[in-house]
N, C-alpha and C. Protein backbone atom coordinates (compact mmCIF):
# COMPACT_ATOMS: atom_id res chain seq x y z
N MET A 1 13.16 4.95 31.97
CA MET A 1 13.30 5.84 31.00
C MET A 1 13.27 7.28 31.49
N THR A 2 14.30 8.21 31.00
CA THR A 2 14.18 9.65 31.36
C THR A 2 13.25 10.47 30.42
N ASN A 3 13.08 11.70 30.86
CA ASN A 3 12.03 12.47 30.09
C ASN A 3 12.66 13.32 29.01
N LYS A 4 14.09 13.21 28.71
CA LYS A 4 14.70 14.01 27.68
C LYS A 4 14.31 13.57 26.25
N GLU A 5 14.54 14.27 25.24
CA GLU A 5 14.42 13.75 23.89
C GLU A 5 15.55 12.97 23.47
N ILE A 6 15.34 12.01 22.65
CA ILE A 6 16.42 11.14 22.05
C ILE A 6 16.20 10.87 20.53
N ILE A 7 17.18 10.43 19.90
CA ILE A 7 17.09 10.15 18.46
C ILE A 7 16.92 8.69 18.41
N ILE A 8 15.76 8.29 17.67
CA ILE A 8 15.47 6.90 17.30
C ILE A 8 15.42 6.62 15.96
N ILE A 9 15.18 5.34 15.68
CA ILE A 9 14.58 5.07 14.17
C ILE A 9 13.49 4.30 14.27
N TYR A 10 12.37 5.00 13.60
CA TYR A 10 10.96 4.47 13.74
C TYR A 10 10.73 3.82 12.22
N LYS A 11 10.37 2.72 12.36
CA LYS A 11 10.07 1.89 11.04
C LYS A 11 8.63 1.31 11.14
N LYS A 12 7.80 1.93 10.29
CA LYS A 12 6.32 1.43 10.14
C LYS A 12 6.30 0.34 9.18
N VAL A 13 5.36 -0.50 9.30
CA VAL A 13 5.25 -1.59 8.30
C VAL A 13 4.97 -1.22 6.89
N GLY A 14 5.88 -1.68 5.94
CA GLY A 14 5.72 -1.19 4.54
C GLY A 14 6.11 0.18 4.14
N ILE A 15 6.77 0.83 5.09
CA ILE A 15 7.23 2.21 4.88
C ILE A 15 8.75 2.25 5.26
N ASP A 16 9.62 3.12 4.54
CA ASP A 16 10.99 3.16 4.93
C ASP A 16 11.10 3.78 6.43
N ALA A 17 12.26 3.36 6.97
CA ALA A 17 12.63 3.69 8.31
C ALA A 17 12.93 5.15 8.23
N GLU A 18 12.64 5.93 9.42
CA GLU A 18 12.97 7.38 9.41
C GLU A 18 13.53 7.59 10.85
N LEU A 19 14.51 8.62 10.86
CA LEU A 19 14.96 8.99 12.20
C LEU A 19 13.99 10.01 12.84
N LYS A 20 13.83 9.76 14.05
CA LYS A 20 12.84 10.77 14.72
C LYS A 20 13.58 11.26 16.15
N LYS A 21 12.99 12.33 16.57
CA LYS A 21 13.48 12.87 17.79
C LYS A 21 12.10 12.78 18.64
N VAL A 22 12.05 11.98 19.62
CA VAL A 22 10.91 11.82 20.63
C VAL A 22 11.27 11.89 21.95
N GLN A 23 10.29 12.20 22.66
CA GLN A 23 10.51 12.25 24.27
C GLN A 23 10.88 10.74 24.70
N ASN A 24 11.86 10.66 25.46
CA ASN A 24 12.31 9.41 26.08
C ASN A 24 11.52 8.84 27.33
N ASP A 25 10.20 8.51 26.92
CA ASP A 25 9.32 8.04 27.87
C ASP A 25 8.47 6.90 27.44
N GLN A 26 8.10 6.03 28.30
CA GLN A 26 7.22 4.80 27.84
C GLN A 26 6.06 5.24 27.14
N LYS A 27 5.46 6.24 27.59
CA LYS A 27 4.18 6.68 26.95
C LYS A 27 4.30 7.00 25.43
N THR A 28 5.34 7.74 25.11
CA THR A 28 5.61 8.15 23.68
C THR A 28 5.90 6.82 22.94
N PHE A 29 6.64 5.95 23.43
CA PHE A 29 6.91 4.69 22.76
C PHE A 29 5.61 3.91 22.47
N GLU A 30 4.93 3.81 23.55
CA GLU A 30 3.59 3.08 23.47
C GLU A 30 2.61 3.69 22.50
N ASP A 31 2.65 5.11 22.41
CA ASP A 31 1.78 5.71 21.34
C ASP A 31 2.26 5.50 19.94
N LEU A 32 3.51 5.40 19.80
CA LEU A 32 4.02 5.28 18.42
C LEU A 32 3.74 3.85 17.95
N LEU A 33 3.80 2.75 18.93
CA LEU A 33 3.74 1.41 18.55
C LEU A 33 2.37 0.93 18.79
N GLY A 34 1.37 1.54 19.47
CA GLY A 34 0.02 1.25 19.69
C GLY A 34 -0.21 0.22 20.83
N GLY A 35 0.50 0.26 21.67
CA GLY A 35 0.32 -0.69 22.92
C GLY A 35 1.55 -1.03 23.66
N GLU A 36 1.34 -1.99 24.66
CA GLU A 36 2.21 -2.36 25.58
C GLU A 36 3.59 -2.79 24.87
N LEU A 37 4.84 -2.66 25.45
CA LEU A 37 6.01 -2.80 24.72
C LEU A 37 6.74 -4.05 25.03
N ASP A 38 7.36 -4.39 24.03
CA ASP A 38 8.20 -5.66 24.17
C ASP A 38 9.73 -5.27 23.71
N TYR A 39 10.60 -5.57 24.43
CA TYR A 39 12.22 -5.21 24.11
C TYR A 39 13.05 -6.33 23.72
N ILE A 40 13.41 -6.16 22.46
CA ILE A 40 14.29 -7.26 21.84
C ILE A 40 15.74 -6.82 21.66
N PRO A 41 16.60 -7.24 22.52
CA PRO A 41 18.03 -6.92 22.46
C PRO A 41 18.56 -7.53 21.04
N TYR A 42 19.34 -6.63 20.20
CA TYR A 42 19.81 -7.14 19.01
C TYR A 42 21.15 -6.32 18.73
N GLU A 43 22.21 -7.00 18.62
CA GLU A 43 23.63 -6.54 18.49
C GLU A 43 23.82 -5.46 19.50
N ASP A 44 24.03 -4.21 19.03
CA ASP A 44 24.33 -3.31 20.02
C ASP A 44 23.26 -2.20 20.34
N ILE A 45 22.03 -2.59 19.88
CA ILE A 45 20.83 -1.71 20.05
C ILE A 45 19.57 -2.53 20.57
N THR A 46 18.58 -1.93 20.89
CA THR A 46 17.28 -2.66 21.32
C THR A 46 16.20 -2.42 20.43
N ILE A 47 15.51 -3.33 19.89
CA ILE A 47 14.38 -3.22 19.02
C ILE A 47 13.26 -3.26 19.92
N ILE A 48 12.32 -2.15 19.87
CA ILE A 48 11.11 -2.05 20.72
C ILE A 48 10.08 -2.28 19.78
N ALA A 49 9.08 -3.09 20.14
CA ALA A 49 7.93 -3.60 19.40
C ALA A 49 6.74 -3.68 20.36
N ARG A 50 5.50 -3.72 19.74
CA ARG A 50 4.38 -3.93 20.57
C ARG A 50 4.35 -5.36 21.10
N LYS A 51 4.00 -5.48 22.31
CA LYS A 51 4.00 -6.81 22.98
C LYS A 51 3.08 -7.75 22.25
N ASN A 52 1.80 -7.45 22.10
CA ASN A 52 0.87 -8.24 21.47
C ASN A 52 0.75 -7.87 19.98
N ARG A 53 1.48 -8.56 19.15
CA ARG A 53 1.64 -8.25 17.68
C ARG A 53 1.35 -9.43 16.73
N ASP A 54 0.86 -10.47 17.16
CA ASP A 54 0.59 -11.77 16.44
C ASP A 54 -0.29 -11.53 15.26
N ASN A 55 -1.22 -10.59 15.31
CA ASN A 55 -2.11 -10.34 14.26
C ASN A 55 -1.85 -9.15 13.25
N LEU A 56 -0.52 -8.61 13.46
CA LEU A 56 -0.05 -7.63 12.77
C LEU A 56 0.78 -8.10 11.56
N LYS A 57 1.02 -7.27 10.57
CA LYS A 57 1.74 -7.68 9.23
C LYS A 57 3.24 -7.82 9.80
N PRO A 58 4.00 -8.59 9.21
CA PRO A 58 5.38 -8.74 9.40
C PRO A 58 6.11 -7.44 8.85
N ASN A 59 7.06 -6.90 9.59
CA ASN A 59 7.80 -5.63 9.31
C ASN A 59 9.20 -5.91 8.97
N ILE A 60 9.84 -6.60 9.82
CA ILE A 60 11.26 -6.89 9.56
C ILE A 60 11.69 -8.32 9.88
N TYR A 61 12.74 -8.67 9.30
CA TYR A 61 13.36 -10.06 9.49
C TYR A 61 14.74 -9.86 10.13
N ILE A 62 14.85 -10.55 11.34
CA ILE A 62 16.28 -10.56 12.04
C ILE A 62 16.56 -11.84 12.20
N ASN A 63 18.01 -12.04 12.26
CA ASN A 63 18.56 -13.25 12.59
C ASN A 63 18.49 -13.47 14.14
N ALA A 64 18.20 -14.57 14.69
CA ALA A 64 18.23 -14.87 15.99
C ALA A 64 19.46 -15.66 16.40
N GLU A 65 19.89 -15.66 17.57
CA GLU A 65 21.03 -16.51 17.95
C GLU A 65 20.66 -18.01 18.01
N PHE A 66 19.57 -18.43 18.33
CA PHE A 66 19.13 -19.75 18.23
C PHE A 66 19.27 -20.50 16.90
N LEU A 67 20.24 -21.39 16.85
CA LEU A 67 20.53 -22.14 15.61
C LEU A 67 20.63 -21.23 14.41
N SER A 68 21.08 -19.95 14.52
CA SER A 68 21.29 -18.95 13.44
C SER A 68 19.97 -18.93 12.52
N ILE A 69 18.88 -19.05 13.11
CA ILE A 69 17.58 -18.92 12.42
C ILE A 69 16.98 -17.69 12.81
N GLY A 70 16.56 -17.03 11.75
CA GLY A 70 15.94 -15.73 12.07
C GLY A 70 14.41 -15.74 12.34
N SER A 71 13.72 -14.69 12.59
CA SER A 71 12.37 -14.48 12.82
C SER A 71 11.91 -13.09 12.36
N SER A 72 10.71 -13.07 12.20
CA SER A 72 10.04 -11.78 11.80
C SER A 72 9.60 -11.16 12.98
N ILE A 73 9.65 -9.77 12.81
CA ILE A 73 9.06 -8.91 13.85
C ILE A 73 7.74 -8.21 13.25
N ARG A 74 6.67 -8.48 13.87
CA ARG A 74 5.50 -7.79 13.30
C ARG A 74 5.12 -6.46 13.99
N GLY A 75 4.48 -5.50 12.99
CA GLY A 75 4.08 -4.27 13.56
C GLY A 75 5.17 -3.31 13.42
N ASP A 76 4.83 -2.12 13.77
CA ASP A 76 5.92 -1.08 13.74
C ASP A 76 6.83 -1.24 14.80
N VAL A 77 8.22 -0.75 14.63
CA VAL A 77 9.19 -1.11 15.42
C VAL A 77 9.99 0.32 15.74
N ILE A 78 10.68 0.36 16.88
CA ILE A 78 11.53 1.58 17.15
C ILE A 78 13.00 0.94 17.44
N ILE A 79 14.05 1.52 16.88
CA ILE A 79 15.29 1.02 17.33
C ILE A 79 15.88 2.14 18.08
N ALA A 80 16.41 1.75 19.19
CA ALA A 80 17.11 2.76 20.15
C ALA A 80 18.32 2.12 20.71
N LEU A 81 19.23 2.96 21.37
CA LEU A 81 20.37 2.46 22.15
C LEU A 81 19.89 2.42 23.62
N LYS A 82 20.13 1.17 24.13
CA LYS A 82 19.87 0.89 25.51
C LYS A 82 21.05 0.68 26.26
N GLU A 83 21.53 1.56 27.34
CA GLU A 83 22.78 1.30 28.16
C GLU A 83 22.33 1.38 29.69
N ASN A 84 22.69 0.23 30.40
CA ASN A 84 22.19 0.16 31.79
C ASN A 84 20.88 0.58 32.01
N ASP A 85 19.79 -0.03 31.23
CA ASP A 85 18.41 0.18 31.33
C ASP A 85 17.88 1.65 31.06
N ILE A 86 18.85 2.35 30.43
CA ILE A 86 18.44 3.75 30.22
C ILE A 86 18.36 3.82 28.65
N PHE A 87 17.52 4.36 27.93
CA PHE A 87 17.51 4.52 26.55
C PHE A 87 18.21 5.90 26.10
N LYS A 88 18.97 5.84 25.13
CA LYS A 88 19.77 7.08 24.76
C LYS A 88 19.78 7.14 23.32
N SER A 89 20.15 8.33 22.71
CA SER A 89 20.08 8.61 21.24
C SER A 89 21.10 7.66 20.54
N LEU A 90 20.78 7.17 19.29
CA LEU A 90 21.60 6.36 18.58
C LEU A 90 22.82 7.25 18.24
N THR A 91 24.02 6.68 17.99
CA THR A 91 25.13 7.35 17.45
C THR A 91 24.80 7.59 15.86
N LYS A 92 25.60 8.42 15.41
CA LYS A 92 25.60 8.72 13.94
C LYS A 92 25.69 7.54 13.24
N GLU A 93 26.72 6.65 13.56
CA GLU A 93 27.23 5.42 12.87
C GLU A 93 26.16 4.46 13.06
N GLN A 94 25.51 4.35 14.32
CA GLN A 94 24.46 3.38 14.42
C GLN A 94 23.23 3.68 13.57
N ALA A 95 22.96 4.90 13.45
CA ALA A 95 21.73 5.52 12.80
C ALA A 95 21.94 5.12 11.33
N ILE A 96 23.15 5.32 10.75
CA ILE A 96 23.41 4.96 9.30
C ILE A 96 23.37 3.35 9.15
N LYS A 97 24.08 2.69 10.09
CA LYS A 97 24.15 1.20 9.96
C LYS A 97 22.63 0.69 10.02
N TYR A 98 21.79 1.07 10.87
CA TYR A 98 20.49 0.42 11.14
C TYR A 98 19.43 0.81 10.21
N VAL A 99 19.51 2.08 9.62
CA VAL A 99 18.72 2.53 8.59
C VAL A 99 18.99 1.57 7.29
N GLU A 100 20.23 1.37 6.97
CA GLU A 100 20.74 0.45 5.96
C GLU A 100 20.15 -0.98 6.30
N PHE A 101 20.32 -1.55 7.44
CA PHE A 101 19.92 -2.81 7.92
C PHE A 101 18.43 -2.95 7.63
N LEU A 102 17.67 -1.92 7.97
CA LEU A 102 16.21 -1.99 7.77
C LEU A 102 15.80 -2.14 6.37
N LYS A 103 16.57 -1.37 5.57
CA LYS A 103 16.23 -1.49 4.04
C LYS A 103 16.38 -2.97 3.62
N ARG A 104 17.44 -3.66 4.22
CA ARG A 104 17.56 -5.13 3.67
C ARG A 104 16.59 -6.01 4.45
N ALA A 105 16.24 -5.72 5.64
CA ALA A 105 15.41 -6.57 6.55
C ALA A 105 14.04 -6.48 6.46
N SER A 106 13.65 -5.30 5.74
CA SER A 106 12.12 -5.10 5.59
C SER A 106 11.29 -5.83 4.69
N PHE A 107 10.17 -6.23 5.11
CA PHE A 107 9.30 -7.10 4.06
C PHE A 107 8.71 -5.96 3.05
N ASN A 108 8.60 -6.33 1.83
CA ASN A 108 8.00 -5.60 0.70
C ASN A 108 6.69 -5.80 0.44
N TYR A 109 5.77 -4.78 0.62
CA TYR A 109 4.22 -5.11 0.39
C TYR A 109 3.97 -4.38 -1.03
N ASP A 110 4.91 -3.91 -1.66
CA ASP A 110 4.41 -3.12 -2.98
C ASP A 110 3.42 -3.88 -3.84
N ASN A 111 3.66 -5.19 -4.00
CA ASN A 111 2.71 -5.89 -4.99
C ASN A 111 1.57 -6.75 -4.24
N PHE A 112 1.16 -6.32 -3.02
CA PHE A 112 0.13 -6.97 -2.21
C PHE A 112 -0.98 -5.94 -1.80
N ASP A 113 -2.34 -6.45 -1.88
CA ASP A 113 -3.20 -5.48 -1.23
C ASP A 113 -3.29 -5.51 0.21
N GLU A 114 -4.27 -4.81 0.69
CA GLU A 114 -4.40 -4.88 2.29
C GLU A 114 -4.78 -6.28 2.70
N LYS A 115 -5.34 -7.29 1.86
CA LYS A 115 -5.77 -8.52 2.36
C LYS A 115 -4.62 -9.48 2.14
N GLY A 116 -3.44 -9.01 1.62
CA GLY A 116 -2.29 -10.02 1.35
C GLY A 116 -2.40 -10.50 0.12
N ARG A 117 -3.23 -10.23 -0.82
CA ARG A 117 -3.29 -10.97 -2.21
C ARG A 117 -2.35 -10.22 -3.06
N TYR A 118 -1.82 -11.00 -3.90
CA TYR A 118 -0.82 -10.45 -4.81
C TYR A 118 -1.50 -9.74 -5.94
N ILE A 119 -0.92 -8.50 -6.21
CA ILE A 119 -1.35 -7.60 -7.33
C ILE A 119 -0.22 -7.65 -8.44
N PRO A 120 -0.50 -8.22 -9.56
CA PRO A 120 0.35 -8.29 -10.71
C PRO A 120 0.92 -6.83 -11.09
N SER A 121 2.07 -6.57 -11.56
CA SER A 121 2.64 -5.34 -12.12
C SER A 121 2.10 -5.18 -13.47
N ASN A 122 2.32 -4.08 -14.04
CA ASN A 122 1.83 -3.79 -15.35
C ASN A 122 2.82 -4.52 -16.37
N LYS A 123 3.94 -5.30 -15.86
CA LYS A 123 4.75 -6.13 -16.66
C LYS A 123 4.31 -7.61 -16.64
N SER A 124 3.28 -7.92 -15.85
CA SER A 124 2.86 -9.28 -15.70
C SER A 124 1.88 -9.67 -16.90
N ILE A 125 2.01 -10.91 -17.18
CA ILE A 125 1.13 -11.54 -18.11
C ILE A 125 0.05 -12.50 -17.41
N MET A 126 -1.21 -12.23 -17.54
CA MET A 126 -2.09 -13.05 -16.89
C MET A 126 -2.96 -13.84 -17.82
N LYS A 127 -3.23 -15.02 -17.54
CA LYS A 127 -4.05 -15.97 -18.38
C LYS A 127 -5.09 -16.69 -17.41
N ARG A 128 -6.28 -16.26 -17.70
CA ARG A 128 -7.42 -17.03 -16.92
C ARG A 128 -7.19 -16.70 -15.33
N GLY A 129 -6.83 -15.52 -15.06
CA GLY A 129 -6.77 -15.03 -13.75
C GLY A 129 -5.48 -15.50 -13.00
N LYS A 130 -4.47 -16.28 -13.68
CA LYS A 130 -3.43 -16.76 -13.01
C LYS A 130 -2.26 -16.10 -13.70
N LEU A 131 -1.08 -15.83 -12.82
CA LEU A 131 0.25 -15.23 -13.33
C LEU A 131 0.88 -16.20 -13.93
N ILE A 132 1.28 -15.90 -15.25
CA ILE A 132 2.09 -16.84 -16.04
C ILE A 132 3.59 -16.47 -16.18
N VAL A 133 3.82 -15.18 -16.32
CA VAL A 133 5.27 -14.82 -16.31
C VAL A 133 5.26 -13.30 -16.08
N GLU A 134 6.26 -12.96 -15.31
CA GLU A 134 6.46 -11.51 -15.17
C GLU A 134 7.63 -11.24 -16.06
N LYS A 135 7.40 -10.23 -16.93
CA LYS A 135 8.45 -9.77 -18.00
C LYS A 135 9.55 -9.14 -17.14
N SER A 136 10.74 -9.24 -17.63
CA SER A 136 11.85 -8.42 -16.98
C SER A 136 12.64 -7.73 -18.10
N ILE A 137 12.65 -6.38 -17.92
CA ILE A 137 13.29 -5.52 -18.82
C ILE A 137 14.05 -4.46 -18.10
N GLY A 138 15.40 -4.58 -18.46
CA GLY A 138 16.28 -3.59 -17.94
C GLY A 138 16.94 -4.02 -16.45
N ASP A 139 17.94 -3.16 -16.07
CA ASP A 139 18.66 -3.35 -14.81
C ASP A 139 17.77 -3.35 -13.57
N ASN A 140 16.76 -2.47 -13.52
CA ASN A 140 16.05 -2.29 -12.42
C ASN A 140 15.20 -3.46 -12.12
N ASP A 141 14.69 -4.14 -13.17
CA ASP A 141 13.91 -5.38 -13.05
C ASP A 141 14.84 -6.51 -12.42
N VAL A 142 16.13 -6.59 -12.82
CA VAL A 142 16.98 -7.55 -12.24
C VAL A 142 17.13 -7.22 -10.75
N THR A 143 17.33 -6.09 -10.38
CA THR A 143 17.40 -5.72 -8.88
C THR A 143 15.90 -6.21 -8.23
N ASN A 144 14.91 -5.83 -8.98
CA ASN A 144 13.56 -6.35 -8.38
C ASN A 144 13.46 -7.75 -8.25
N LEU A 145 14.05 -8.50 -9.19
CA LEU A 145 14.03 -9.90 -9.27
C LEU A 145 14.87 -10.43 -7.87
N SER A 146 15.95 -9.78 -7.63
CA SER A 146 17.04 -10.11 -6.63
C SER A 146 16.15 -9.88 -5.42
N ASN A 147 15.50 -8.78 -5.16
CA ASN A 147 14.59 -8.46 -4.04
C ASN A 147 13.60 -9.53 -3.79
N THR A 148 12.99 -9.99 -4.96
CA THR A 148 11.88 -10.99 -4.78
C THR A 148 12.50 -12.28 -4.25
N ASN A 149 13.70 -12.73 -4.71
CA ASN A 149 14.40 -13.87 -4.35
C ASN A 149 14.86 -13.68 -2.74
N GLU A 150 15.20 -12.56 -2.33
CA GLU A 150 15.49 -12.27 -0.92
C GLU A 150 14.25 -12.43 -0.05
N GLU A 151 13.19 -11.91 -0.51
CA GLU A 151 11.87 -12.01 0.15
C GLU A 151 11.49 -13.38 0.25
N THR A 152 11.62 -14.25 -0.72
CA THR A 152 11.29 -15.56 -0.69
C THR A 152 12.18 -16.29 0.20
N LEU A 153 13.39 -16.13 0.23
CA LEU A 153 14.26 -16.74 1.30
C LEU A 153 13.90 -16.36 2.60
N LYS A 154 13.56 -15.16 2.85
CA LYS A 154 13.10 -14.67 4.34
C LYS A 154 11.88 -15.33 4.63
N MET A 155 10.98 -15.49 3.67
CA MET A 155 9.81 -16.26 4.11
C MET A 155 10.06 -17.56 4.35
N ILE A 156 10.86 -18.43 3.65
CA ILE A 156 11.17 -19.73 3.81
C ILE A 156 11.84 -19.88 5.21
N LEU A 157 12.80 -19.02 5.49
CA LEU A 157 13.56 -19.05 6.85
C LEU A 157 12.54 -18.68 7.96
N GLY A 158 11.54 -17.81 7.71
CA GLY A 158 10.62 -17.66 8.78
C GLY A 158 9.75 -18.85 9.03
N ILE A 159 9.25 -19.57 7.92
CA ILE A 159 8.48 -20.63 8.02
C ILE A 159 9.16 -21.81 8.84
N GLN A 160 10.56 -21.92 8.51
CA GLN A 160 11.42 -23.02 9.18
C GLN A 160 11.61 -22.65 10.68
N SER A 161 11.67 -21.51 11.01
CA SER A 161 11.76 -20.92 12.33
C SER A 161 10.56 -21.28 13.12
N VAL A 162 9.41 -20.99 12.59
CA VAL A 162 8.16 -21.33 13.20
C VAL A 162 8.06 -22.86 13.52
N ILE A 163 8.32 -23.59 12.57
CA ILE A 163 8.60 -25.07 12.64
C ILE A 163 9.26 -25.67 13.67
N LEU A 164 10.51 -25.07 13.75
CA LEU A 164 11.51 -25.33 14.78
C LEU A 164 11.03 -25.06 16.06
N ASN A 165 10.45 -23.79 16.32
CA ASN A 165 9.99 -23.38 17.56
C ASN A 165 8.71 -24.18 17.99
N PHE A 166 7.91 -24.59 17.12
CA PHE A 166 6.88 -25.53 17.41
C PHE A 166 7.32 -26.89 17.85
N ILE A 167 8.33 -27.33 17.16
CA ILE A 167 8.91 -28.63 17.68
C ILE A 167 9.56 -28.53 18.92
N LYS A 168 10.27 -27.50 19.18
CA LYS A 168 11.04 -27.17 20.49
C LYS A 168 10.01 -27.20 21.55
N ASN A 169 8.95 -26.39 21.33
CA ASN A 169 7.88 -26.17 22.35
C ASN A 169 6.97 -27.32 22.68
N ASN A 170 6.88 -28.28 21.70
CA ASN A 170 5.84 -29.41 21.88
C ASN A 170 6.65 -30.68 21.93
N ALA A 171 7.88 -30.80 22.14
CA ALA A 171 8.65 -32.10 22.16
C ALA A 171 8.32 -32.64 23.64
N ASN A 172 7.94 -33.80 23.57
CA ASN A 172 7.59 -34.50 24.87
C ASN A 172 8.38 -35.95 24.86
């Protein structure tokens, strides 16, 4: 890495992605992500994440090439352009493309507390402590239902990916 500034996308867990101008050095990236780095090539960019991230909350869901099954990346991430082992600023087109990508690929924690328990919205009907139905009123709620379905699909695909990786790694 060189010591000049570059433009990256920084995505914290549960928060929208943002463009940042940062020093192009390993220490800056480690400070942002909180530890040793792992580099994940993806399409025409590199996703940089913390190496030891097993105990962190899922942040984004990406499709992997192996059997077209995706996986989640836990913890905060950086998206940068890497050419010939040198990090460079994202192009304007890449910045727009990957900010939009992160909106679709991000896990939504709006209805969960810090321990991962579901918090019903003010439109929910509770009976004896159990969620019975969540009322839907208006177009925005249809969009939220669609997002919920996408989140459910991401979760199911993530579970399938873990199962397949387990089978692959433990096949004797």
